[in-house]
Amino acid sequence: MDKKKIIISAINFNEGGPLTIYKECLKYLEENFLEEYRIVALVHDRNLFSEYEAKIEFIEFKDSKKSYLKRMYYEYFYFKKLSKELKPYLWLSLHDMTPNVVAAKRAVYCHNPIIFYDVNKKDIVNEFKMFIFSKFYKYIYRINIQKNDFVVVQQDWLRKRFKQIFKIKNVIVAHPNVAIDDLDLEKNRQNNIKIVRNSFLYPAFPRIFKNFEVICEAVKILEEKNVTDFTVYLTVDGSENLYSKKLFKKYKDLRNIKFLGLLKRNELMKYYGISENIIFPSKLETWGLPISEAKAFGKNILLVNLEYAHETLGNYENVIFFEPDDAKELAKKMEILINGKNVKFDGNIEKTIEKPFCRNWKELFDILLSDNK
């Protein structure tokens, strides 16, 4: 008897958090489903998944990132033909678009929150492409979304917004797994690395909504007060895009900021190890991986006071919250940590999330493959 087929599609994932999610998904399927199912993964570059190639079938789409027209051709035309050939039991699209496919079960994993970002005039000037993208993506999400048996999002606030905007009910909240084991391994390697006193790290790619300005303005306030016994590490250097170029030009003379540029993961882990505190001011995230990483390292966290941040952090004591546009408040709370006196953490308590809710891939696939929709 032929095995049922599971198709996992994410032909544009080739780096960062999305690629990590794809690999973790395949890892779980490889370890638990090969006896019962035939797993086929649609990818941009199969070489990125060499650790799974012996047990999972790969179909490569090397030209998928050439243009959005090419991507849309695959999603809305070619995949229908492919699905008729493969006859999948489950087709899970991991990257936002709901393709035209024929399958017993269909699901889409929506991870890009850009449609919920309120773009202002400054944002349009600095990142016009992102402005257009934010408008375009709302329509991309809408196409075929009601044809899915399940829509998967990473947080409860996203589920509420998806239900409201797209008039759907079948939305699963699935918290992503963070590779804590890898982080623990890095921590063990760094036992002999000296923590830099009064250091703050913000690890993020420069996008408008990442809100680097609030940190830079806070540093400026502290320097003007002659508070200088601290270091802020930012993972930008002005070479990444127009936004980072303007950011670097405006704040490059601040003595207490070190502009590191983009870091490879092993380099970033070293900075997690040596940094005393993590700052995370991003205004928009589906998750916010550095929050989970900072928590795994046991760092003090200065965290933006937004709904997504509270949900991502869960139960944690060593956190101080600040408002996203209040540089004076952030500067004050940085100074409290720098002085190290009368530090009072806000703490955070994990919120209760209604079902359907998944904490790992097992719980998610139990729902996706269940006979009960």
Protein backbone atom coordinates (compact mmCIF):
# COMPACT_ATOMS: atom_id res chain seq x y z
CA MET A 1 0.00 0.00 0.00
CA ASP A 2 1.35 3.41 -0.99
CA LYS A 3 2.13 5.80 1.84
CA LYS A 4 0.16 8.99 2.18
CA LYS A 5 2.13 12.06 1.11
CA ILE A 6 2.85 15.22 3.05
CA ILE A 7 4.02 18.16 0.94
CA ILE A 8 5.84 20.97 2.73
CA SER A 9 6.26 24.05 0.56
CA ALA A 10 8.52 27.06 1.22
CA ILE A 11 10.39 27.77 -2.00
CA ASN A 12 11.54 31.24 -0.90
CA PHE A 13 13.13 30.30 2.42
CA ASN A 14 16.91 30.40 2.27
CA GLU A 15 18.09 32.25 5.39
CA GLY A 16 17.32 33.46 8.89
CA GLY A 17 14.36 32.57 11.08
CA PRO A 18 12.13 31.25 8.27
CA LEU A 19 14.81 28.76 7.19
CA THR A 20 15.19 27.66 10.82
CA ILE A 21 11.44 27.05 11.05
CA TYR A 22 11.52 24.99 7.84
CA LYS A 23 14.41 22.85 9.10
CA GLU A 24 12.74 22.26 12.47
CA CYS A 25 9.56 21.19 10.70
CA LEU A 26 11.43 18.70 8.50
CA LYS A 27 13.42 17.43 11.47
CA TYR A 28 10.23 16.58 13.31
CA LEU A 29 8.70 14.87 10.26
CA GLU A 30 11.88 12.88 9.60
CA GLU A 31 12.00 11.64 13.19
CA ASN A 32 8.32 10.74 13.52
CA PHE A 33 6.45 10.24 10.24
CA LEU A 34 8.60 8.36 7.73
CA GLU A 35 7.03 4.97 8.44
CA GLU A 36 3.53 6.20 7.74
CA TYR A 37 4.06 9.06 5.29
CA ARG A 38 6.16 9.98 2.28
CA ILE A 39 7.56 13.47 2.89
CA VAL A 40 8.21 15.77 -0.07
CA ALA A 41 9.77 19.21 0.52
CA LEU A 42 9.63 22.00 -2.06
CA VAL A 43 12.68 24.21 -1.55
CA HIS A 44 14.72 27.00 -3.08
CA ASP A 45 18.04 25.16 -2.69
CA ARG A 46 18.27 21.52 -1.60
CA ASN A 47 21.87 22.02 -0.47
CA LEU A 48 20.53 23.97 2.49
CA PHE A 49 18.83 20.78 3.72
CA SER A 50 21.58 18.21 3.11
CA GLU A 51 21.14 16.73 6.61
CA TYR A 52 17.68 15.46 5.63
CA GLU A 53 18.28 14.40 2.04
CA ALA A 54 18.63 10.69 2.73
CA LYS A 55 15.06 10.35 4.06
CA ILE A 56 13.08 13.28 2.65
CA GLU A 57 12.45 13.93 -1.04
CA PHE A 58 13.30 17.38 -2.32
CA ILE A 59 12.08 19.28 -5.35
CA GLU A 60 14.15 22.37 -6.05
CA PHE A 61 13.02 25.74 -7.42
CA LYS A 62 16.24 27.69 -7.88
CA ASP A 63 14.61 30.54 -9.79
CA SER A 64 11.80 31.10 -7.28
CA LYS A 65 13.41 34.25 -5.89
CA LYS A 66 14.04 35.93 -9.23
CA SER A 67 10.80 37.89 -9.03
CA TYR A 68 7.39 37.86 -7.39
CA LEU A 69 5.86 37.02 -10.73
CA LYS A 70 7.91 33.81 -10.79
CA ARG A 71 6.86 33.00 -7.24
CA MET A 72 3.21 33.63 -8.05
CA TYR A 73 3.46 31.43 -11.14
CA TYR A 74 4.61 28.52 -9.00
CA GLU A 75 2.09 29.11 -6.21
CA TYR A 76 -1.01 29.73 -8.32
CA PHE A 77 -0.37 27.75 -11.50
CA TYR A 78 2.45 25.19 -11.44
CA PHE A 79 1.69 23.79 -7.98
CA LYS A 80 -1.81 22.80 -9.05
CA LYS A 81 -0.31 20.59 -11.76
CA LEU A 82 2.27 19.23 -9.30
CA SER A 83 -0.38 18.46 -6.68
CA LYS A 84 -2.40 16.47 -9.20
CA GLU A 85 0.70 14.39 -9.95
CA LEU A 86 1.73 13.84 -6.30
CA LYS A 87 -1.80 13.53 -4.84
CA PRO A 88 -0.86 14.71 -1.31
CA TYR A 89 -2.87 13.98 1.80
CA LEU A 90 -1.61 17.21 3.41
CA TRP A 91 -0.18 20.26 1.64
CA LEU A 92 1.35 22.67 4.16
CA SER A 93 2.60 25.97 2.77
CA LEU A 94 5.03 27.48 5.26
CA HIS A 95 5.28 30.90 3.68
CA ASP A 96 2.08 32.91 3.77
CA MET A 97 0.69 32.27 0.30
CA THR A 98 -2.15 29.78 -0.10
CA PRO A 99 -1.36 28.00 -3.37
CA ASN A 100 -3.82 26.56 -5.86
CA VAL A 101 -3.46 22.86 -5.09
CA VAL A 102 -5.50 19.70 -4.87
CA ALA A 103 -5.07 17.89 -1.53
CA ALA A 104 -7.18 16.09 1.06
CA LYS A 105 -6.03 18.68 3.60
CA ARG A 106 -4.64 22.16 3.03
CA ALA A 107 -2.91 24.44 5.51
CA VAL A 108 -0.91 27.67 5.39
CA TYR A 109 1.56 28.99 7.96
CA CYS A 110 1.41 32.81 8.07
CA HIS A 111 4.47 34.40 9.65
CA ASN A 112 4.81 37.87 8.11
CA PRO A 113 3.06 40.60 10.18
CA ILE A 114 3.86 43.49 7.82
CA ILE A 115 0.20 44.12 6.95
CA PHE A 116 -0.38 45.21 10.55
CA TYR A 117 2.34 47.89 10.57
CA ASP A 118 1.09 51.49 10.46
CA VAL A 119 3.43 53.06 7.91
CA ASN A 120 4.01 56.81 8.35
CA LYS A 121 5.49 59.36 5.93
CA LYS A 122 9.03 58.88 7.24
CA ASP A 123 8.75 55.12 6.70
CA ILE A 124 7.57 55.64 3.10
CA VAL A 125 10.64 57.78 2.36
CA ASN A 126 13.12 55.41 4.02
CA GLU A 127 11.64 52.11 2.89
CA PHE A 128 9.30 52.65 -0.04
CA LYS A 129 9.64 49.00 -1.02
CA MET A 130 8.40 47.95 2.43
CA PHE A 131 5.47 50.36 2.14
CA ILE A 132 4.40 48.82 -1.18
CA PHE A 133 5.03 45.35 0.22
CA SER A 134 2.78 46.00 3.24
CA LYS A 135 -0.11 46.96 0.94
CA PHE A 136 0.53 44.12 -1.50
CA TYR A 137 0.80 41.45 1.20
CA LYS A 138 -2.72 41.96 2.48
CA TYR A 139 -4.02 40.85 -0.92
CA ILE A 140 -1.53 37.97 -1.08
CA TYR A 141 -2.80 36.67 2.25
CA ARG A 142 -6.41 36.98 1.11
CA ILE A 143 -6.04 34.87 -2.07
CA ASN A 144 -7.37 31.35 -1.39
CA ILE A 145 -7.10 31.74 2.40
CA GLN A 146 -10.65 30.48 2.93
CA LYS A 147 -9.84 27.28 1.03
CA ASN A 148 -7.50 26.13 3.80
CA ASP A 149 -8.59 23.58 6.36
CA PHE A 150 -6.24 25.36 8.77
CA VAL A 151 -4.44 28.70 8.97
CA VAL A 152 -1.46 28.69 11.34
CA VAL A 153 -0.08 31.80 13.07
CA GLN A 154 2.54 32.18 15.78
CA GLN A 155 0.67 34.31 18.30
CA ASP A 156 -2.78 34.90 19.70
CA TRP A 157 -2.91 38.59 18.70
CA LEU A 158 -2.36 37.49 15.10
CA ARG A 159 -5.19 34.99 15.32
CA LYS A 160 -7.55 37.75 16.48
CA ARG A 161 -6.52 40.02 13.62
CA PHE A 162 -6.71 37.27 10.98
CA LYS A 163 -10.20 36.32 12.09
CA GLN A 164 -11.25 39.96 11.97
CA ILE A 165 -9.73 40.86 8.59
CA PHE A 166 -10.18 37.64 6.61
CA LYS A 167 -13.41 36.40 8.23
CA ILE A 168 -12.02 32.94 9.01
CA LYS A 169 -12.44 30.73 12.07
CA ASN A 170 -10.01 27.83 11.55
CA VAL A 171 -6.90 29.57 12.93
CA ILE A 172 -4.33 27.69 15.02
CA VAL A 173 -1.85 29.48 17.30
CA ALA A 174 1.46 27.61 17.14
CA HIS A 175 4.33 28.94 19.21
CA PRO A 176 7.61 28.25 17.40
CA ASN A 177 10.22 25.98 18.92
CA VAL A 178 13.46 27.77 19.79
CA ALA A 179 16.61 25.65 19.51
CA ILE A 180 17.38 25.94 23.23
CA ASP A 181 19.79 22.98 23.07
CA ASP A 182 22.00 24.90 20.67
CA LEU A 183 21.92 27.91 22.94
CA ASP A 184 22.82 25.80 25.96
CA LEU A 185 25.74 24.38 24.02
CA GLU A 186 26.94 27.88 23.19
CA LYS A 187 26.57 28.92 26.83
CA ASN A 188 28.76 26.03 27.92
CA ARG A 189 31.41 27.03 25.40
CA GLN A 190 31.33 30.58 26.71
CA ASN A 191 31.85 29.78 30.37
CA ASN A 192 35.29 31.38 30.23
CA ILE A 193 34.15 34.49 28.33
CA LYS A 194 34.07 37.60 30.48
CA ILE A 195 30.80 39.53 30.52
CA VAL A 196 31.27 43.17 29.51
CA ARG A 197 30.03 45.28 32.39
CA ASN A 198 27.03 47.53 31.63
CA SER A 199 26.69 46.21 28.09
CA PHE A 200 23.48 46.15 26.04
CA LEU A 201 22.84 44.16 22.85
CA TYR A 202 20.12 44.65 20.25
CA PRO A 203 20.37 41.89 17.60
CA ALA A 204 18.15 42.73 14.61
CA PHE A 205 18.23 43.34 10.87
CA PRO A 206 17.67 47.04 10.10
CA ARG A 207 14.03 47.57 9.17
CA ILE A 208 11.94 50.63 10.00
CA PHE A 209 9.76 48.75 12.47
CA LYS A 210 12.81 47.41 14.33
CA ASN A 211 12.93 50.82 16.02
CA PHE A 212 16.70 51.29 16.41
CA GLU A 213 16.11 55.03 16.87
CA VAL A 214 14.65 54.70 20.36
CA ILE A 215 17.90 53.06 21.55
CA CYS A 216 20.11 55.63 19.81
CA GLU A 217 18.10 58.51 21.26
CA ALA A 218 18.30 56.94 24.73
CA VAL A 219 22.08 56.68 24.40
CA LYS A 220 22.22 60.30 23.28
CA ILE A 221 20.25 61.34 26.38
CA LEU A 222 22.61 59.39 28.65
CA GLU A 223 25.74 60.82 27.03
CA GLU A 224 24.36 64.36 27.41
CA LYS A 225 23.91 63.57 31.14
CA ASN A 226 27.54 62.45 31.20
CA VAL A 227 26.54 58.82 31.85
CA THR A 228 29.23 57.04 29.84
CA ASP A 229 30.12 53.85 31.68
CA PHE A 230 28.25 51.52 29.31
CA THR A 231 28.35 49.98 25.82
CA VAL A 232 25.52 49.34 23.36
CA TYR A 233 26.05 46.78 20.58
CA LEU A 234 23.90 47.17 17.45
CA THR A 235 24.06 44.63 14.62
CA VAL A 236 24.08 47.28 11.86
CA ASP A 237 26.84 49.41 10.35
CA GLY A 238 25.10 51.48 7.66
CA SER A 239 25.89 49.20 4.74
CA GLU A 240 22.72 47.07 4.82
CA ASN A 241 20.09 49.38 3.30
CA LEU A 242 18.94 53.01 3.07
CA TYR A 243 17.41 52.93 6.55
CA SER A 244 20.63 51.72 8.21
CA LYS A 245 22.68 54.20 6.18
CA LYS A 246 20.64 57.11 7.53
CA LEU A 247 20.66 55.62 11.02
CA PHE A 248 24.45 55.28 11.04
CA LYS A 249 24.99 58.76 9.61
CA LYS A 250 22.79 60.33 12.29
CA TYR A 251 24.18 58.46 15.31
CA LYS A 252 27.72 57.41 14.34
CA ASP A 253 29.29 59.98 16.68
CA LEU A 254 27.70 58.53 19.81
CA ARG A 255 30.68 57.15 21.73
CA ASN A 256 28.80 54.46 23.61
CA ILE A 257 27.37 52.68 20.57
CA LYS A 258 29.37 50.05 18.72
CA PHE A 259 27.96 49.42 15.23
CA LEU A 260 28.86 45.77 14.60
CA GLY A 261 27.18 45.11 11.24
CA LEU A 262 25.35 41.89 10.51
CA LEU A 263 26.74 38.91 12.41
CA LYS A 264 26.86 35.22 11.61
CA ARG A 265 25.00 33.14 14.16
CA ASN A 266 28.12 31.87 15.95
CA GLU A 267 29.38 35.47 16.27
CA LEU A 268 26.00 36.63 17.52
CA MET A 269 26.00 33.92 20.18
CA LYS A 270 29.32 35.27 21.47
CA TYR A 271 27.76 38.70 21.89
CA TYR A 272 24.83 37.14 23.73
CA GLY A 273 27.42 35.57 26.01
CA ILE A 274 29.36 38.75 26.78
CA SER A 275 26.39 41.12 26.99
CA GLU A 276 24.91 41.85 30.39
CA ASN A 277 21.55 43.06 29.04
CA ILE A 278 19.43 42.62 25.91
CA ILE A 279 17.26 45.43 24.52
CA PHE A 280 14.36 44.60 22.20
CA PRO A 281 12.33 47.63 21.02
CA SER A 282 10.83 46.23 17.79
CA LYS A 283 7.32 47.52 17.10
CA LEU A 284 6.19 44.53 15.06
CA GLU A 285 6.97 40.81 15.27
CA THR A 286 5.17 37.54 14.81
CA TRP A 287 7.45 36.17 17.53
CA GLY A 288 10.72 38.00 18.21
CA LEU A 289 13.37 35.28 18.38
CA PRO A 290 15.93 37.39 20.32
CA ILE A 291 13.44 37.55 23.21
CA SER A 292 13.48 33.75 23.49
CA GLU A 293 17.26 33.68 23.06
CA ALA A 294 17.81 36.32 25.74
CA LYS A 295 15.55 34.33 28.05
CA ALA A 296 17.50 31.14 27.34
CA PHE A 297 20.73 32.92 28.24
CA GLY A 298 19.16 34.26 31.43
CA LYS A 299 19.90 37.88 30.53
CA ASN A 300 18.30 41.04 31.87
CA ILE A 301 15.87 42.18 29.19
CA LEU A 302 14.70 45.71 28.40
CA LEU A 303 11.59 44.88 26.41
CA VAL A 304 9.07 46.92 24.45
CA ASN A 305 5.68 46.99 26.15
CA LEU A 306 3.63 45.44 23.33
CA GLU A 307 1.29 42.45 23.27
CA TYR A 308 3.51 40.25 21.11
CA ALA A 309 6.48 40.78 23.44
CA HIS A 310 4.57 39.71 26.55
CA GLU A 311 3.33 36.56 24.80
CA THR A 312 6.77 35.64 23.47
CA LEU A 313 8.51 36.13 26.80
CA GLY A 314 6.13 34.00 28.86
CA ASN A 315 7.13 33.44 32.49
CA TYR A 316 10.25 35.49 33.24
CA GLU A 317 11.37 37.67 36.12
CA ASN A 318 14.36 39.71 34.87
CA VAL A 319 12.50 41.99 32.48
CA ILE A 320 11.82 45.73 32.46
CA PHE A 321 9.25 47.07 30.00
CA PHE A 322 9.30 50.44 28.21
CA GLU A 323 7.03 52.20 25.74
CA PRO A 324 8.16 51.86 22.09
CA ASP A 325 8.60 55.59 21.33
CA ASP A 326 9.74 56.84 24.73
CA ALA A 327 13.53 57.31 24.57
CA LYS A 328 13.54 59.19 27.87
CA GLU A 329 11.91 56.26 29.64
CA LEU A 330 14.36 53.80 28.05
CA ALA A 331 17.33 55.99 29.01
CA LYS A 332 16.09 56.13 32.61
CA LYS A 333 15.75 52.35 32.79
CA MET A 334 19.13 51.78 31.14
CA GLU A 335 20.66 54.09 33.76
CA ILE A 336 19.07 52.07 36.57
CA LEU A 337 20.72 48.91 35.20
CA ILE A 338 24.03 50.72 34.70
CA ASN A 339 24.06 51.96 38.31
CA GLY A 340 22.96 48.53 39.53
CA LYS A 341 21.16 50.02 42.54
CA ASN A 342 17.50 49.52 43.46
CA VAL A 343 16.84 47.56 40.28
CA LYS A 344 13.21 46.48 40.23
CA PHE A 345 12.19 44.09 37.51
CA ASP A 346 8.62 44.07 36.22
CA GLY A 347 8.44 40.32 35.68
CA ASN A 348 6.08 38.70 33.19
CA ILE A 349 3.51 35.92 33.44
CA GLU A 350 2.60 33.57 30.62
CA LYS A 351 -0.82 34.27 29.17
CA THR A 352 -3.50 31.62 28.77
CA ILE A 353 -4.27 30.93 25.12
CA GLU A 354 -7.46 29.31 23.95
CA LYS A 355 -7.40 26.19 21.80
CA PRO A 356 -6.48 25.33 19.12
CA PHE A 357 -3.04 26.10 20.51
CA CYS A 358 0.25 24.24 19.94
CA ARG A 359 3.58 24.48 21.72
CA ASN A 360 5.52 22.25 19.35
CA TRP A 361 5.46 20.52 15.97
CA LYS A 362 3.94 17.35 17.44
CA GLU A 363 0.87 19.16 18.69
CA LEU A 364 0.54 21.05 15.39
CA PHE A 365 0.71 17.96 13.18
CA ASP A 366 -1.66 16.11 15.51
CA ILE A 367 -4.23 18.75 14.53
CA LEU A 368 -3.29 19.03 10.86
CA LEU A 369 -3.48 15.26 10.31
CA SER A 370 -6.50 14.62 12.50
CA ASP A 371 -9.68 13.29 10.92
CA ASN A 372 -11.59 15.99 12.80
CA LYS A 373 -11.33 19.40 11.18
